[in-house]
């Protein structure tokens, strides 16, 4: 993904950002995947209907999915649409969250 800025946040950084409300965690999985279980506090903006202009801009946005692959597509789409402020993803995403034994919302 040449030319795309990609910053990575850790599980602890995501947990802290959600706890102190300093980030927006955006889950780019499809609605049925999100409904089956998501990181508490995550917003759902599925990649299939992804609109970078609709992403919040009042605080940093961190993209999340199941494993981290779709988040990279979301970063590419956002930056391609002029949203240079969207450059961070939670590598490992929901899989990493679950592996750490963190709770999920349904």
N, C-alpha and C. Protein backbone atom coordinates (compact mmCIF):
# COMPACT_ATOMS: atom_id res chain seq x y z
N UNK A 1 0.85 -1.19 0.00
CA UNK A 1 0.00 0.00 0.00
C UNK A 1 0.89 1.25 0.00
N UNK A 2 1.58 1.41 -1.08
CA UNK A 2 2.48 2.54 -1.22
C UNK A 2 1.71 3.85 -1.12
N UNK A 3 2.28 4.78 -0.40
CA UNK A 3 1.68 6.10 -0.28
C UNK A 3 0.60 6.21 0.78
N UNK A 4 0.26 5.12 1.45
CA UNK A 4 -0.77 5.15 2.48
C UNK A 4 -0.08 5.16 3.84
N UNK A 5 -0.43 6.13 4.66
CA UNK A 5 0.12 6.17 6.01
C UNK A 5 -0.62 5.16 6.88
N UNK A 6 0.14 4.32 7.57
CA UNK A 6 -0.44 3.31 8.43
C UNK A 6 0.25 3.37 9.79
N UNK A 7 -0.49 3.78 10.79
CA UNK A 7 -0.01 3.75 12.17
C UNK A 7 -0.75 2.64 12.89
N UNK A 8 -0.07 1.97 13.80
CA UNK A 8 -0.62 0.83 14.51
C UNK A 8 -0.76 1.18 15.99
N UNK A 9 -1.90 0.80 16.58
CA UNK A 9 -2.07 0.93 18.02
C UNK A 9 -2.20 -0.46 18.64
N UNK A 10 -1.77 -0.55 19.87
CA UNK A 10 -1.80 -1.82 20.60
C UNK A 10 -3.14 -2.01 21.29
N UNK A 11 -3.34 -3.20 21.77
CA UNK A 11 -4.53 -3.52 22.56
C UNK A 11 -4.65 -2.56 23.74
N UNK A 12 -3.57 -2.34 24.45
CA UNK A 12 -3.61 -1.45 25.62
C UNK A 12 -3.96 -0.03 25.22
N UNK A 13 -3.44 0.43 24.08
CA UNK A 13 -3.77 1.78 23.61
C UNK A 13 -5.24 1.90 23.24
N UNK A 14 -5.80 0.86 22.63
CA UNK A 14 -7.23 0.87 22.30
C UNK A 14 -8.05 0.88 23.58
N UNK A 15 -7.71 0.03 24.53
CA UNK A 15 -8.45 -0.02 25.79
C UNK A 15 -8.41 1.34 26.49
N UNK A 16 -7.24 1.96 26.54
CA UNK A 16 -7.10 3.25 27.20
C UNK A 16 -7.90 4.32 26.46
N UNK A 17 -7.80 4.33 25.13
CA UNK A 17 -8.53 5.32 24.33
C UNK A 17 -10.03 5.20 24.48
N UNK A 18 -10.53 3.97 24.58
CA UNK A 18 -11.97 3.78 24.80
C UNK A 18 -12.35 4.19 26.23
N UNK A 19 -11.51 3.85 27.19
CA UNK A 19 -11.81 4.16 28.59
C UNK A 19 -11.85 5.66 28.84
N UNK A 20 -10.92 6.40 28.23
CA UNK A 20 -10.89 7.84 28.49
C UNK A 20 -11.54 8.65 27.36
N UNK A 21 -12.20 7.95 26.45
CA UNK A 21 -12.95 8.57 25.35
C UNK A 21 -12.07 9.48 24.49
N UNK A 22 -10.81 9.11 24.30
CA UNK A 22 -9.90 9.94 23.51
C UNK A 22 -9.81 9.48 22.06
N UNK A 23 -10.49 8.37 21.70
CA UNK A 23 -10.51 7.88 20.32
C UNK A 23 -11.93 7.48 19.92
N UNK A 24 -12.12 7.38 18.62
CA UNK A 24 -13.30 6.71 18.06
C UNK A 24 -12.78 5.41 17.49
N UNK A 25 -13.29 4.28 17.95
CA UNK A 25 -12.95 2.99 17.37
C UNK A 25 -14.04 2.66 16.36
N UNK A 26 -13.66 2.51 15.11
CA UNK A 26 -14.62 2.26 14.03
C UNK A 26 -14.40 0.86 13.48
N UNK A 27 -15.41 0.03 13.63
CA UNK A 27 -15.40 -1.36 13.17
C UNK A 27 -15.92 -1.38 11.74
N UNK A 28 -15.07 -1.81 10.80
CA UNK A 28 -15.46 -1.78 9.39
C UNK A 28 -16.02 -3.11 8.88
N UNK A 29 -16.33 -4.03 9.81
CA UNK A 29 -16.94 -5.29 9.40
C UNK A 29 -18.41 -5.06 9.03
N UNK A 30 -18.98 -6.06 8.40
CA UNK A 30 -20.38 -5.97 7.97
C UNK A 30 -21.31 -6.02 9.19
N UNK A 31 -22.53 -5.46 9.08
CA UNK A 31 -23.44 -5.39 10.22
C UNK A 31 -23.70 -6.72 10.91
N UNK A 32 -23.82 -7.82 10.15
CA UNK A 32 -24.08 -9.11 10.79
C UNK A 32 -22.87 -9.56 11.61
N UNK A 33 -21.67 -9.24 11.16
CA UNK A 33 -20.47 -9.58 11.93
C UNK A 33 -20.41 -8.75 13.22
N UNK A 34 -20.69 -7.47 13.08
CA UNK A 34 -20.69 -6.56 14.21
C UNK A 34 -21.73 -7.02 15.25
N UNK A 35 -22.91 -7.37 14.78
CA UNK A 35 -23.98 -7.81 15.68
C UNK A 35 -23.62 -9.08 16.43
N UNK A 36 -22.82 -9.94 15.80
CA UNK A 36 -22.43 -11.21 16.42
C UNK A 36 -21.43 -11.02 17.55
N UNK A 37 -20.77 -9.87 17.58
CA UNK A 37 -19.83 -9.57 18.65
C UNK A 37 -18.83 -8.53 18.21
N UNK A 38 -18.71 -7.47 19.02
CA UNK A 38 -17.78 -6.39 18.69
C UNK A 38 -17.15 -5.84 19.96
N UNK A 39 -16.11 -5.07 19.78
CA UNK A 39 -15.44 -4.43 20.90
C UNK A 39 -16.39 -3.38 21.47
N UNK A 40 -16.66 -3.43 22.78
CA UNK A 40 -17.57 -2.45 23.37
C UNK A 40 -17.10 -1.02 23.10
N UNK A 41 -18.03 -0.20 22.63
CA UNK A 41 -17.72 1.19 22.33
C UNK A 41 -17.39 1.45 20.87
N UNK A 42 -17.24 0.38 20.08
CA UNK A 42 -16.92 0.54 18.66
C UNK A 42 -18.16 0.96 17.88
N UNK A 43 -17.96 1.84 16.92
CA UNK A 43 -19.00 2.25 15.98
C UNK A 43 -18.91 1.34 14.77
N UNK A 44 -20.03 1.04 14.13
CA UNK A 44 -20.00 0.19 12.95
C UNK A 44 -20.17 1.03 11.69
N UNK A 45 -19.18 0.98 10.82
CA UNK A 45 -19.23 1.63 9.51
C UNK A 45 -18.68 0.62 8.51
N UNK A 46 -19.52 -0.29 8.00
CA UNK A 46 -19.06 -1.39 7.16
C UNK A 46 -18.31 -0.91 5.92
N UNK A 47 -17.28 -1.64 5.59
CA UNK A 47 -16.45 -1.31 4.43
C UNK A 47 -17.27 -1.30 3.15
N UNK A 48 -18.30 -2.14 3.06
CA UNK A 48 -19.11 -2.22 1.84
C UNK A 48 -19.88 -0.93 1.56
N UNK A 49 -20.09 -0.11 2.60
CA UNK A 49 -20.79 1.17 2.44
C UNK A 49 -19.96 2.29 3.06
N UNK A 50 -18.65 2.12 3.05
CA UNK A 50 -17.73 3.02 3.74
C UNK A 50 -17.75 4.41 3.12
N UNK A 51 -18.00 5.41 3.95
CA UNK A 51 -18.00 6.80 3.50
C UNK A 51 -17.02 7.58 4.36
N UNK A 52 -15.80 7.80 3.87
CA UNK A 52 -14.81 8.50 4.67
C UNK A 52 -15.27 9.86 5.18
N UNK A 53 -16.14 10.52 4.43
CA UNK A 53 -16.63 11.83 4.86
C UNK A 53 -17.49 11.71 6.12
N UNK A 54 -18.07 10.54 6.36
CA UNK A 54 -18.93 10.34 7.53
C UNK A 54 -18.15 9.97 8.79
N UNK A 55 -16.85 9.72 8.65
CA UNK A 55 -16.05 9.38 9.83
C UNK A 55 -15.93 10.60 10.73
N UNK A 56 -15.98 10.39 12.05
CA UNK A 56 -15.86 11.52 12.97
C UNK A 56 -14.52 12.23 12.80
N UNK A 57 -14.50 13.52 13.15
CA UNK A 57 -13.25 14.28 13.03
C UNK A 57 -12.90 15.02 14.32
N UNK A 58 -13.67 14.79 15.39
CA UNK A 58 -13.42 15.51 16.64
C UNK A 58 -12.32 14.91 17.50
N UNK A 59 -11.95 13.66 17.21
CA UNK A 59 -10.84 13.01 17.91
C UNK A 59 -10.31 11.90 17.01
N UNK A 60 -9.13 11.37 17.30
CA UNK A 60 -8.54 10.36 16.42
C UNK A 60 -9.45 9.16 16.20
N UNK A 61 -9.44 8.68 14.96
CA UNK A 61 -10.20 7.50 14.56
C UNK A 61 -9.23 6.33 14.43
N UNK A 62 -9.61 5.20 15.03
CA UNK A 62 -8.85 3.96 14.91
C UNK A 62 -9.78 2.95 14.24
N UNK A 63 -9.32 2.37 13.14
CA UNK A 63 -10.13 1.38 12.45
C UNK A 63 -9.85 -0.02 12.99
N UNK A 64 -10.90 -0.82 13.03
CA UNK A 64 -10.83 -2.19 13.52
C UNK A 64 -11.70 -3.06 12.63
N UNK A 65 -11.36 -4.36 12.56
CA UNK A 65 -12.18 -5.33 11.82
C UNK A 65 -12.07 -6.67 12.54
N UNK A 66 -11.95 -7.75 11.81
CA UNK A 66 -11.80 -9.06 12.44
C UNK A 66 -10.33 -9.37 12.72
N UNK A 67 -9.48 -9.17 11.71
CA UNK A 67 -8.07 -9.53 11.85
C UNK A 67 -7.10 -8.40 11.56
N UNK A 68 -7.58 -7.31 10.97
CA UNK A 68 -6.72 -6.18 10.63
C UNK A 68 -6.54 -5.94 9.15
N UNK A 69 -7.00 -6.86 8.30
CA UNK A 69 -6.82 -6.68 6.86
C UNK A 69 -7.77 -5.63 6.28
N UNK A 70 -9.03 -5.70 6.66
CA UNK A 70 -9.99 -4.74 6.11
C UNK A 70 -9.73 -3.33 6.60
N UNK A 71 -9.12 -3.21 7.78
CA UNK A 71 -8.80 -1.87 8.26
C UNK A 71 -7.82 -1.18 7.32
N UNK A 72 -6.90 -1.94 6.76
CA UNK A 72 -5.94 -1.36 5.81
C UNK A 72 -6.66 -0.86 4.56
N UNK A 73 -7.67 -1.60 4.11
CA UNK A 73 -8.47 -1.14 2.98
C UNK A 73 -9.19 0.16 3.35
N UNK A 74 -9.71 0.21 4.56
CA UNK A 74 -10.40 1.41 5.02
C UNK A 74 -9.47 2.61 5.08
N UNK A 75 -8.25 2.40 5.55
CA UNK A 75 -7.27 3.50 5.58
C UNK A 75 -6.99 3.99 4.17
N UNK A 76 -6.82 3.06 3.25
CA UNK A 76 -6.55 3.43 1.86
C UNK A 76 -7.72 4.22 1.27
N UNK A 77 -8.94 3.77 1.55
CA UNK A 77 -10.12 4.47 1.04
C UNK A 77 -10.23 5.87 1.65
N UNK A 78 -10.03 5.97 2.96
CA UNK A 78 -10.15 7.26 3.63
C UNK A 78 -9.11 8.25 3.13
N UNK A 79 -7.87 7.81 3.05
CA UNK A 79 -6.81 8.70 2.59
C UNK A 79 -6.98 9.05 1.13
N UNK A 80 -7.47 8.11 0.34
CA UNK A 80 -7.74 8.38 -1.07
C UNK A 80 -8.84 9.40 -1.27
N UNK A 81 -9.72 9.51 -0.27
CA UNK A 81 -10.81 10.48 -0.32
C UNK A 81 -10.43 11.80 0.35
N UNK A 82 -9.15 11.93 0.70
CA UNK A 82 -8.69 13.19 1.28
C UNK A 82 -8.66 13.25 2.79
N UNK A 83 -8.97 12.14 3.46
CA UNK A 83 -8.96 12.14 4.93
C UNK A 83 -7.57 11.71 5.44
N UNK A 84 -6.61 12.61 5.36
CA UNK A 84 -5.24 12.33 5.82
C UNK A 84 -5.20 12.10 7.33
N UNK A 85 -6.25 12.53 8.04
CA UNK A 85 -6.31 12.34 9.50
C UNK A 85 -6.67 10.91 9.88
N UNK A 86 -7.06 10.08 8.92
CA UNK A 86 -7.42 8.69 9.19
C UNK A 86 -6.23 7.83 8.77
N UNK A 87 -5.45 7.38 9.76
CA UNK A 87 -4.22 6.65 9.44
C UNK A 87 -3.88 5.59 10.48
N UNK A 88 -4.80 5.29 11.41
CA UNK A 88 -4.48 4.38 12.50
C UNK A 88 -5.41 3.18 12.49
N UNK A 89 -4.79 2.01 12.71
CA UNK A 89 -5.62 0.81 12.82
C UNK A 89 -5.12 -0.04 13.99
N UNK A 90 -6.06 -0.84 14.49
CA UNK A 90 -5.79 -1.78 15.57
C UNK A 90 -5.40 -3.09 14.92
N UNK A 91 -4.09 -3.31 14.82
CA UNK A 91 -3.58 -4.52 14.18
C UNK A 91 -4.02 -5.74 15.00
N UNK A 92 -4.58 -6.71 14.32
CA UNK A 92 -5.10 -7.89 15.02
C UNK A 92 -6.57 -7.75 15.33
N UNK A 93 -7.03 -6.53 15.49
CA UNK A 93 -8.43 -6.17 15.67
C UNK A 93 -9.18 -7.09 16.63
N UNK A 94 -10.39 -7.53 16.24
CA UNK A 94 -11.21 -8.33 17.15
C UNK A 94 -10.53 -9.63 17.55
N UNK A 95 -9.79 -10.24 16.64
CA UNK A 95 -9.09 -11.49 16.99
C UNK A 95 -8.13 -11.26 18.15
N UNK A 96 -7.38 -10.18 18.11
CA UNK A 96 -6.43 -9.87 19.19
C UNK A 96 -7.18 -9.56 20.48
N UNK A 97 -8.30 -8.88 20.37
CA UNK A 97 -9.12 -8.52 21.52
C UNK A 97 -9.62 -9.80 22.21
N UNK A 98 -10.14 -10.72 21.40
CA UNK A 98 -10.66 -11.98 21.95
C UNK A 98 -9.54 -12.83 22.53
N UNK A 99 -8.41 -12.88 21.86
CA UNK A 99 -7.28 -13.68 22.33
C UNK A 99 -6.79 -13.18 23.69
N UNK A 100 -6.95 -11.89 23.95
CA UNK A 100 -6.54 -11.32 25.23
C UNK A 100 -7.60 -11.55 26.32
N UNK A 101 -8.73 -12.12 25.94
CA UNK A 101 -9.78 -12.41 26.92
C UNK A 101 -10.65 -11.21 27.25
N UNK A 102 -10.64 -10.21 26.38
CA UNK A 102 -11.43 -9.00 26.62
C UNK A 102 -12.91 -9.28 26.29
N UNK A 103 -13.81 -8.53 26.92
CA UNK A 103 -15.25 -8.74 26.69
C UNK A 103 -15.69 -8.23 25.32
N UNK A 104 -16.78 -8.83 24.82
CA UNK A 104 -17.38 -8.35 23.58
C UNK A 104 -18.82 -7.93 23.85
N UNK A 105 -19.30 -7.02 23.04
CA UNK A 105 -20.68 -6.58 23.13
C UNK A 105 -21.45 -7.22 21.98
N UNK A 106 -22.73 -7.42 22.20
CA UNK A 106 -23.61 -7.99 21.17
C UNK A 106 -24.87 -7.17 21.09
